[in-house]
Amino acid sequence: AGVADPLQGAMRLGLIPTVAPYVLPAVLAGLSQQLPDLNLRVIEDQTDRLLTGLREGAVDAAVMALPAQVPGLTEIPIYDEDFVLALPPGHALAGKRRVPPTALADLPLLLLDEGHCLRDQTLEICRNAGVRAELATTRAASLATAVQCVNGGLGVTLIPQTAVAVEAERNGLALAYFSSPQPGRRIGLVFRASSGRDESYRRLAGIIGHVVAAGHQVELV
């Protein structure tokens, strides 16, 4: 394999901002243990910029929400995770387990800025539920900021299951869970199809999936 093996040299790995802060500690530890020759460089950025980086060769592989559906890029699904409703402490829905997505019509929904796929996914959930969400005027550049605004009573927001341990517990938020089928997202690894490194990237995706699943309630795919 030598230098040709991407798992034995420098790799520029992209991650979207609603994944990176929550899975990186486990992923970095797992990769250093299982791939000691991998010299990893992390690039956190929004989906469109990571896709541009992949196409232009500035990023080798990226962890993002699927489907990316970009010609010339290969997608390897890693895990599925549910979205959880983050609420101010003491909210009427706090602790509920079967909240219908239609309930979003009556809640001031905090969204991330344009360019975050989580923003688009949240709006898609509302569309699928046939509701026009009452959008809060507050907009956040990061999930951490959105959660702090929720804690301050400025609205509610959706957070992925992998973010619950960090964001909800740190901020003392109330949580509610949606009724089945629960809205969620699929996270996967995307890379250039022309790289000829499918086998190595499948191995990388497998390691990422197992370390994330060990610490979070996600379903490997």
C-alpha atoms as a PDB file:
ATOM      1  CA  ALA A   1       0.000   0.000   0.000  1.00  0.00           C
ATOM      2  CA  GLY A   2       2.681   2.507   1.074  1.00  0.00           C
ATOM      3  CA  VAL A   3       1.954   6.122   0.229  1.00  0.00           C
ATOM      4  CA  ALA A   4      -0.971   5.131  -2.011  1.00  0.00           C
ATOM      5  CA  ASP A   5      -3.003   4.094   1.039  1.00  0.00           C
ATOM      6  CA  PRO A   6      -4.817   7.224   2.305  1.00  0.00           C
ATOM      7  CA  LEU A   7      -4.968   5.681   5.791  1.00  0.00           C
ATOM      8  CA  GLN A   8      -1.159   5.756   6.065  1.00  0.00           C
ATOM      9  CA  GLY A   9      -0.391   9.372   5.312  1.00  0.00           C
ATOM     10  CA  ALA A  10      -1.815  12.871   5.462  1.00  0.00           C
ATOM     11  CA  MET A  11      -5.587  13.085   5.015  1.00  0.00           C
ATOM     12  CA  ARG A  12      -7.746  16.206   4.952  1.00  0.00           C
ATOM     13  CA  LEU A  13     -11.062  15.157   6.482  1.00  0.00           C
ATOM     14  CA  GLY A  14     -13.990  17.549   6.293  1.00  0.00           C
ATOM     15  CA  LEU A  15     -16.879  17.572   8.764  1.00  0.00           C
ATOM     16  CA  ILE A  16     -20.028  19.690   8.818  1.00  0.00           C
ATOM     17  CA  PRO A  17     -20.466  21.971  11.876  1.00  0.00           C
ATOM     18  CA  THR A  18     -23.470  20.061  13.279  1.00  0.00           C
ATOM     19  CA  VAL A  19     -21.361  16.872  13.400  1.00  0.00           C
ATOM     20  CA  ALA A  20     -17.790  17.937  14.174  1.00  0.00           C
ATOM     21  CA  PRO A  21     -18.041  19.188  17.808  1.00  0.00           C
ATOM     22  CA  TYR A  22     -20.025  16.155  18.935  1.00  0.00           C
ATOM     23  CA  VAL A  23     -18.214  13.220  17.347  1.00  0.00           C
ATOM     24  CA  LEU A  24     -14.642  14.512  16.916  1.00  0.00           C
ATOM     25  CA  PRO A  25     -13.316  13.601  20.392  1.00  0.00           C
ATOM     26  CA  ALA A  26     -14.312   9.951  19.940  1.00  0.00           C
ATOM     27  CA  VAL A  27     -13.384   9.843  16.251  1.00  0.00           C
ATOM     28  CA  LEU A  28      -9.903  11.305  16.780  1.00  0.00           C
ATOM     29  CA  ALA A  29      -9.209   8.927  19.659  1.00  0.00           C
ATOM     30  CA  GLY A  30     -10.496   5.938  17.701  1.00  0.00           C
ATOM     31  CA  LEU A  31      -8.554   6.776  14.560  1.00  0.00           C
ATOM     32  CA  SER A  32      -5.281   7.381  16.391  1.00  0.00           C
ATOM     33  CA  GLN A  33      -5.693   4.008  18.071  1.00  0.00           C
ATOM     34  CA  GLN A  34      -6.720   1.998  15.005  1.00  0.00           C
ATOM     35  CA  LEU A  35      -4.855   3.926  12.278  1.00  0.00           C
ATOM     36  CA  PRO A  36      -1.627   5.060  13.967  1.00  0.00           C
ATOM     37  CA  ASP A  37      -0.019   5.994  10.616  1.00  0.00           C
ATOM     38  CA  LEU A  38      -2.850   8.351   9.630  1.00  0.00           C
ATOM     39  CA  ASN A  39      -1.863  12.021   9.786  1.00  0.00           C
ATOM     40  CA  LEU A  40      -5.280  13.647  10.026  1.00  0.00           C
ATOM     41  CA  ARG A  41      -6.120  17.261   9.265  1.00  0.00           C
ATOM     42  CA  VAL A  42      -9.639  18.363  10.156  1.00  0.00           C
ATOM     43  CA  ILE A  43     -11.599  20.896   8.100  1.00  0.00           C
ATOM     44  CA  GLU A  44     -14.922  22.004   9.606  1.00  0.00           C
ATOM     45  CA  ASP A  45     -17.144  23.741   7.072  1.00  0.00           C
ATOM     46  CA  GLN A  46     -20.634  23.879   5.631  1.00  0.00           C
ATOM     47  CA  THR A  47     -21.746  21.263   3.117  1.00  0.00           C
ATOM     48  CA  ASP A  48     -21.449  23.314  -0.069  1.00  0.00           C
ATOM     49  CA  ARG A  49     -17.901  24.437   0.697  1.00  0.00           C
ATOM     50  CA  LEU A  50     -16.845  20.897   1.609  1.00  0.00           C
ATOM     51  CA  LEU A  51     -18.319  19.605  -1.666  1.00  0.00           C
ATOM     52  CA  THR A  52     -16.377  22.277  -3.555  1.00  0.00           C
ATOM     53  CA  GLY A  53     -13.228  21.267  -1.650  1.00  0.00           C
ATOM     54  CA  LEU A  54     -13.802  17.623  -2.565  1.00  0.00           C
ATOM     55  CA  ARG A  55     -14.290  18.409  -6.255  1.00  0.00           C
ATOM     56  CA  GLU A  56     -11.225  20.660  -6.347  1.00  0.00           C
ATOM     57  CA  GLY A  57      -9.018  18.233  -4.423  1.00  0.00           C
ATOM     58  CA  ALA A  58      -8.573  20.458  -1.355  1.00  0.00           C
ATOM     59  CA  VAL A  59     -10.496  17.947   0.820  1.00  0.00           C
ATOM     60  CA  ASP A  60      -9.879  14.186   0.598  1.00  0.00           C
ATOM     61  CA  ALA A  61     -13.067  12.935   2.251  1.00  0.00           C
ATOM     62  CA  ALA A  62     -15.895  14.524   4.235  1.00  0.00           C
ATOM     63  CA  VAL A  63     -18.412  13.479   6.876  1.00  0.00           C
ATOM     64  CA  MET A  64     -21.770  15.061   6.066  1.00  0.00           C
ATOM     65  CA  ALA A  65     -25.498  14.477   5.795  1.00  0.00           C
ATOM     66  CA  LEU A  66     -26.557  12.307   2.862  1.00  0.00           C
ATOM     67  CA  PRO A  67     -27.554  12.327   0.115  1.00  0.00           C
ATOM     68  CA  ALA A  68     -25.009  14.723  -1.346  1.00  0.00           C
ATOM     69  CA  GLN A  69     -26.013  13.617  -4.861  1.00  0.00           C
ATOM     70  CA  VAL A  70     -23.058  15.173  -6.621  1.00  0.00           C
ATOM     71  CA  PRO A  71     -21.781  13.563  -9.838  1.00  0.00           C
ATOM     72  CA  GLY A  72     -18.277  12.170  -9.452  1.00  0.00           C
ATOM     73  CA  LEU A  73     -18.525  11.747  -5.669  1.00  0.00           C
ATOM     74  CA  THR A  74     -19.051   8.430  -3.897  1.00  0.00           C
ATOM     75  CA  GLU A  75     -21.176   8.247  -0.721  1.00  0.00           C
ATOM     76  CA  ILE A  76     -20.766   5.656   2.029  1.00  0.00           C
ATOM     77  CA  PRO A  77     -23.600   5.729   4.603  1.00  0.00           C
ATOM     78  CA  ILE A  78     -22.297   5.510   8.190  1.00  0.00           C
ATOM     79  CA  TYR A  79     -25.148   6.048  10.663  1.00  0.00           C
ATOM     80  CA  ASP A  80     -28.697   7.309  11.068  1.00  0.00           C
ATOM     81  CA  GLU A  81     -29.658   9.564  13.965  1.00  0.00           C
ATOM     82  CA  ASP A  82     -32.929  11.026  15.184  1.00  0.00           C
ATOM     83  CA  PHE A  83     -33.657  14.696  15.679  1.00  0.00           C
ATOM     84  CA  VAL A  84     -34.649  15.725  19.208  1.00  0.00           C
ATOM     85  CA  LEU A  85     -36.684  18.782  20.127  1.00  0.00           C
ATOM     86  CA  ALA A  86     -34.705  21.084  22.454  1.00  0.00           C
ATOM     87  CA  LEU A  87     -36.940  23.180  24.711  1.00  0.00           C
ATOM     88  CA  PRO A  88     -36.540  25.795  27.442  1.00  0.00           C
ATOM     89  CA  PRO A  89     -36.559  24.265  30.950  1.00  0.00           C
ATOM     90  CA  GLY A  90     -40.095  23.794  32.239  1.00  0.00           C
ATOM     91  CA  HIS A  91     -41.707  23.758  28.779  1.00  0.00           C
ATOM     92  CA  ALA A  92     -45.085  22.001  28.494  1.00  0.00           C
ATOM     93  CA  LEU A  93     -43.646  19.424  26.068  1.00  0.00           C
ATOM     94  CA  ALA A  94     -40.604  18.652  28.253  1.00  0.00           C
ATOM     95  CA  GLY A  95     -39.991  14.917  28.559  1.00  0.00           C
ATOM     96  CA  LYS A  96     -42.723  13.940  26.106  1.00  0.00           C
ATOM     97  CA  ARG A  97     -41.907  10.864  24.036  1.00  0.00           C
ATOM     98  CA  ARG A  98     -44.390  10.960  21.151  1.00  0.00           C
ATOM     99  CA  VAL A  99     -44.644  14.541  19.943  1.00  0.00           C
ATOM    100  CA  PRO A 100     -46.138  14.739  16.429  1.00  0.00           C
ATOM    101  CA  PRO A 101     -44.066  16.849  14.002  1.00  0.00           C
ATOM    102  CA  THR A 102     -47.242  18.898  13.399  1.00  0.00           C
ATOM    103  CA  ALA A 103     -46.636  20.393  16.871  1.00  0.00           C
ATOM    104  CA  LEU A 104     -43.870  22.468  15.263  1.00  0.00           C
ATOM    105  CA  ALA A 105     -46.571  24.722  13.781  1.00  0.00           C
ATOM    106  CA  ASP A 106     -47.235  26.198  17.229  1.00  0.00           C
ATOM    107  CA  LEU A 107     -43.627  26.621  18.403  1.00  0.00           C
ATOM    108  CA  PRO A 108     -41.205  29.492  17.717  1.00  0.00           C
ATOM    109  CA  LEU A 109     -38.607  27.532  15.773  1.00  0.00           C
ATOM    110  CA  LEU A 110     -35.006  28.725  15.888  1.00  0.00           C
ATOM    111  CA  LEU A 111     -33.076  28.016  12.696  1.00  0.00           C
ATOM    112  CA  LEU A 112     -29.399  27.994  11.882  1.00  0.00           C
ATOM    113  CA  ASP A 113     -28.082  30.389   9.252  1.00  0.00           C
ATOM    114  CA  GLU A 114     -28.370  29.704   5.520  1.00  0.00           C
ATOM    115  CA  GLY A 115     -25.898  27.089   4.339  1.00  0.00           C
ATOM    116  CA  HIS A 116     -26.375  24.712   7.277  1.00  0.00           C
ATOM    117  CA  CYS A 117     -27.989  21.488   6.117  1.00  0.00           C
ATOM    118  CA  LEU A 118     -29.681  21.194   9.520  1.00  0.00           C
ATOM    119  CA  ARG A 119     -31.665  24.347   8.673  1.00  0.00           C
ATOM    120  CA  ASP A 120     -32.899  22.774   5.431  1.00  0.00           C
ATOM    121  CA  GLN A 121     -33.660  19.464   7.153  1.00  0.00           C
ATOM    122  CA  THR A 122     -35.724  21.226   9.833  1.00  0.00           C
ATOM    123  CA  LEU A 123     -37.775  23.076   7.221  1.00  0.00           C
ATOM    124  CA  GLU A 124     -38.213  19.824   5.299  1.00  0.00           C
ATOM    125  CA  ILE A 125     -39.643  18.141   8.418  1.00  0.00           C
ATOM    126  CA  CYS A 126     -42.184  20.962   8.686  1.00  0.00           C
ATOM    127  CA  ARG A 127     -43.090  20.613   5.006  1.00  0.00           C
ATOM    128  CA  ASN A 128     -43.487  16.853   5.331  1.00  0.00           C
ATOM    129  CA  ALA A 129     -45.755  17.382   8.343  1.00  0.00           C
ATOM    130  CA  GLY A 130     -47.823  19.813   6.293  1.00  0.00           C
ATOM    131  CA  VAL A 131     -47.184  22.714   8.663  1.00  0.00           C
ATOM    132  CA  ARG A 132     -45.927  26.236   8.271  1.00  0.00           C
ATOM    133  CA  ALA A 133     -43.564  26.663  11.165  1.00  0.00           C
ATOM    134  CA  GLU A 134     -43.657  29.820  13.251  1.00  0.00           C
ATOM    135  CA  LEU A 135     -40.046  30.867  12.725  1.00  0.00           C
ATOM    136  CA  ALA A 136     -38.341  32.764  15.531  1.00  0.00           C
ATOM    137  CA  THR A 137     -36.648  35.981  14.410  1.00  0.00           C
ATOM    138  CA  THR A 138     -33.427  34.839  16.110  1.00  0.00           C
ATOM    139  CA  ARG A 139     -30.981  33.081  13.758  1.00  0.00           C
ATOM    140  CA  ALA A 140     -27.861  31.310  14.941  1.00  0.00           C
ATOM    141  CA  ALA A 141     -24.555  30.663  13.202  1.00  0.00           C
ATOM    142  CA  SER A 142     -23.934  27.519  15.275  1.00  0.00           C
ATOM    143  CA  LEU A 143     -25.933  24.862  17.044  1.00  0.00           C
ATOM    144  CA  ALA A 144     -24.274  25.862  20.340  1.00  0.00           C
ATOM    145  CA  THR A 145     -25.646  29.409  19.955  1.00  0.00           C
ATOM    146  CA  ALA A 146     -29.107  28.148  18.978  1.00  0.00           C
ATOM    147  CA  VAL A 147     -29.203  25.991  22.104  1.00  0.00           C
ATOM    148  CA  GLN A 148     -28.201  28.914  24.326  1.00  0.00           C
ATOM    149  CA  CYS A 149     -31.008  30.974  22.787  1.00  0.00           C
ATOM    150  CA  VAL A 150     -33.450  28.143  23.550  1.00  0.00           C
ATOM    151  CA  ASN A 151     -32.211  28.072  27.137  1.00  0.00           C
ATOM    152  CA  GLY A 152     -32.881  31.813  27.300  1.00  0.00           C
ATOM    153  CA  GLY A 153     -36.468  31.322  26.208  1.00  0.00           C
ATOM    154  CA  LEU A 154     -36.110  32.650  22.645  1.00  0.00           C
ATOM    155  CA  GLY A 155     -37.605  29.586  20.974  1.00  0.00           C
ATOM    156  CA  VAL A 156     -37.119  25.858  20.388  1.00  0.00           C
ATOM    157  CA  THR A 157     -34.793  24.044  18.001  1.00  0.00           C
ATOM    158  CA  LEU A 158     -34.030  20.591  16.625  1.00  0.00           C
ATOM    159  CA  ILE A 159     -30.748  18.983  17.562  1.00  0.00           C
ATOM    160  CA  PRO A 160     -29.307  15.701  16.275  1.00  0.00           C
ATOM    161  CA  GLN A 161     -29.043  12.843  18.758  1.00  0.00           C
ATOM    162  CA  THR A 162     -25.226  13.049  18.765  1.00  0.00           C
ATOM    163  CA  ALA A 163     -25.440  16.640  20.071  1.00  0.00           C
ATOM    164  CA  VAL A 164     -27.713  15.828  23.016  1.00  0.00           C
ATOM    165  CA  ALA A 165     -24.996  14.865  25.497  1.00  0.00           C
ATOM    166  CA  VAL A 166     -22.987  18.038  24.928  1.00  0.00           C
ATOM    167  CA  GLU A 167     -25.650  20.661  24.264  1.00  0.00           C
ATOM    168  CA  ALA A 168     -28.629  19.567  26.355  1.00  0.00           C
ATOM    169  CA  GLU A 169     -26.720  18.484  29.429  1.00  0.00           C
ATOM    170  CA  ARG A 170     -24.353  21.450  29.392  1.00  0.00           C
ATOM    171  CA  ASN A 171     -27.202  23.927  29.066  1.00  0.00           C
ATOM    172  CA  GLY A 172     -29.786  22.182  31.241  1.00  0.00           C
ATOM    173  CA  LEU A 173     -32.298  22.027  28.391  1.00  0.00           C
ATOM    174  CA  ALA A 174     -35.544  20.122  28.350  1.00  0.00           C
ATOM    175  CA  LEU A 175     -35.965  17.563  25.566  1.00  0.00           C
ATOM    176  CA  ALA A 176     -38.906  16.003  23.756  1.00  0.00           C
ATOM    177  CA  TYR A 177     -38.929  13.140  21.263  1.00  0.00           C
ATOM    178  CA  PHE A 178     -40.994  12.817  18.124  1.00  0.00           C
ATOM    179  CA  SER A 179     -43.534  10.128  17.393  1.00  0.00           C
ATOM    180  CA  SER A 180     -42.600   7.342  14.999  1.00  0.00           C
ATOM    181  CA  PRO A 181     -41.364   7.522  12.301  1.00  0.00           C
ATOM    182  CA  GLN A 182     -38.959   9.918  13.989  1.00  0.00           C
ATOM    183  CA  PRO A 183     -37.452  12.583  11.768  1.00  0.00           C
ATOM    184  CA  GLY A 184     -33.691  12.306  11.494  1.00  0.00           C
ATOM    185  CA  ARG A 185     -30.759  12.316   9.144  1.00  0.00           C
ATOM    186  CA  ARG A 186     -28.226   9.947   7.628  1.00  0.00           C
ATOM    187  CA  ILE A 187     -24.544  10.790   8.043  1.00  0.00           C
ATOM    188  CA  GLY A 188     -21.958   9.370   5.682  1.00  0.00           C
ATOM    189  CA  LEU A 189     -18.511   9.703   4.164  1.00  0.00           C
ATOM    190  CA  VAL A 190     -18.175  11.382   0.760  1.00  0.00           C
ATOM    191  CA  PHE A 191     -15.077  11.257  -1.467  1.00  0.00           C
ATOM    192  CA  ARG A 192     -14.062  11.548  -5.115  1.00  0.00           C
ATOM    193  CA  ALA A 193     -15.047   8.445  -7.092  1.00  0.00           C
ATOM    194  CA  SER A 194     -11.905   8.877  -9.202  1.00  0.00           C
ATOM    195  CA  SER A 195      -9.626   8.477  -6.175  1.00  0.00           C
ATOM    196  CA  GLY A 196      -9.682   4.685  -6.538  1.00  0.00           C
ATOM    197  CA  ARG A 197      -9.588   4.354  -2.769  1.00  0.00           C
ATOM    198  CA  ASP A 198     -13.007   2.877  -2.073  1.00  0.00           C
ATOM    199  CA  GLU A 199     -11.691   0.074   0.116  1.00  0.00           C
ATOM    200  CA  SER A 200      -9.680   2.389   2.372  1.00  0.00           C
ATOM    201  CA  TYR A 201     -12.520   4.865   2.726  1.00  0.00           C
ATOM    202  CA  ARG A 202     -14.969   2.070   3.550  1.00  0.00           C
ATOM    203  CA  ARG A 203     -12.630   1.004   6.327  1.00  0.00           C
ATOM    204  CA  LEU A 204     -12.419   4.592   7.558  1.00  0.00           C
ATOM    205  CA  ALA A 205     -16.221   4.933   7.485  1.00  0.00           C
ATOM    206  CA  GLY A 206     -16.554   1.702   9.455  1.00  0.00           C
ATOM    207  CA  ILE A 207     -14.201   2.897  12.190  1.00  0.00           C
ATOM    208  CA  ILE A 208     -15.980   6.267  12.435  1.00  0.00           C
ATOM    209  CA  GLY A 209     -19.349   4.512  12.681  1.00  0.00           C
ATOM    210  CA  HIS A 210     -18.282   2.188  15.465  1.00  0.00           C
ATOM    211  CA  VAL A 211     -16.690   4.861  17.638  1.00  0.00           C
ATOM    212  CA  VAL A 212     -19.711   7.173  17.225  1.00  0.00           C
ATOM    213  CA  ALA A 213     -22.163   4.353  17.960  1.00  0.00           C
ATOM    214  CA  ALA A 214     -20.218   3.441  21.102  1.00  0.00           C
ATOM    215  CA  GLY A 215     -20.901   6.865  22.601  1.00  0.00           C
ATOM    216  CA  HIS A 216     -24.249   7.891  21.110  1.00  0.00           C
ATOM    217  CA  GLN A 217     -27.639   6.425  20.304  1.00  0.00           C
ATOM    218  CA  VAL A 218     -27.286   6.102  16.562  1.00  0.00           C
ATOM    219  CA  GLU A 219     -28.057   3.267  14.180  1.00  0.00           C
ATOM    220  CA  LEU A 220     -25.245   2.005  11.970  1.00  0.00           C
ATOM    221  CA  VAL A 221     -26.151   1.487   8.304  1.00  0.00           C
END
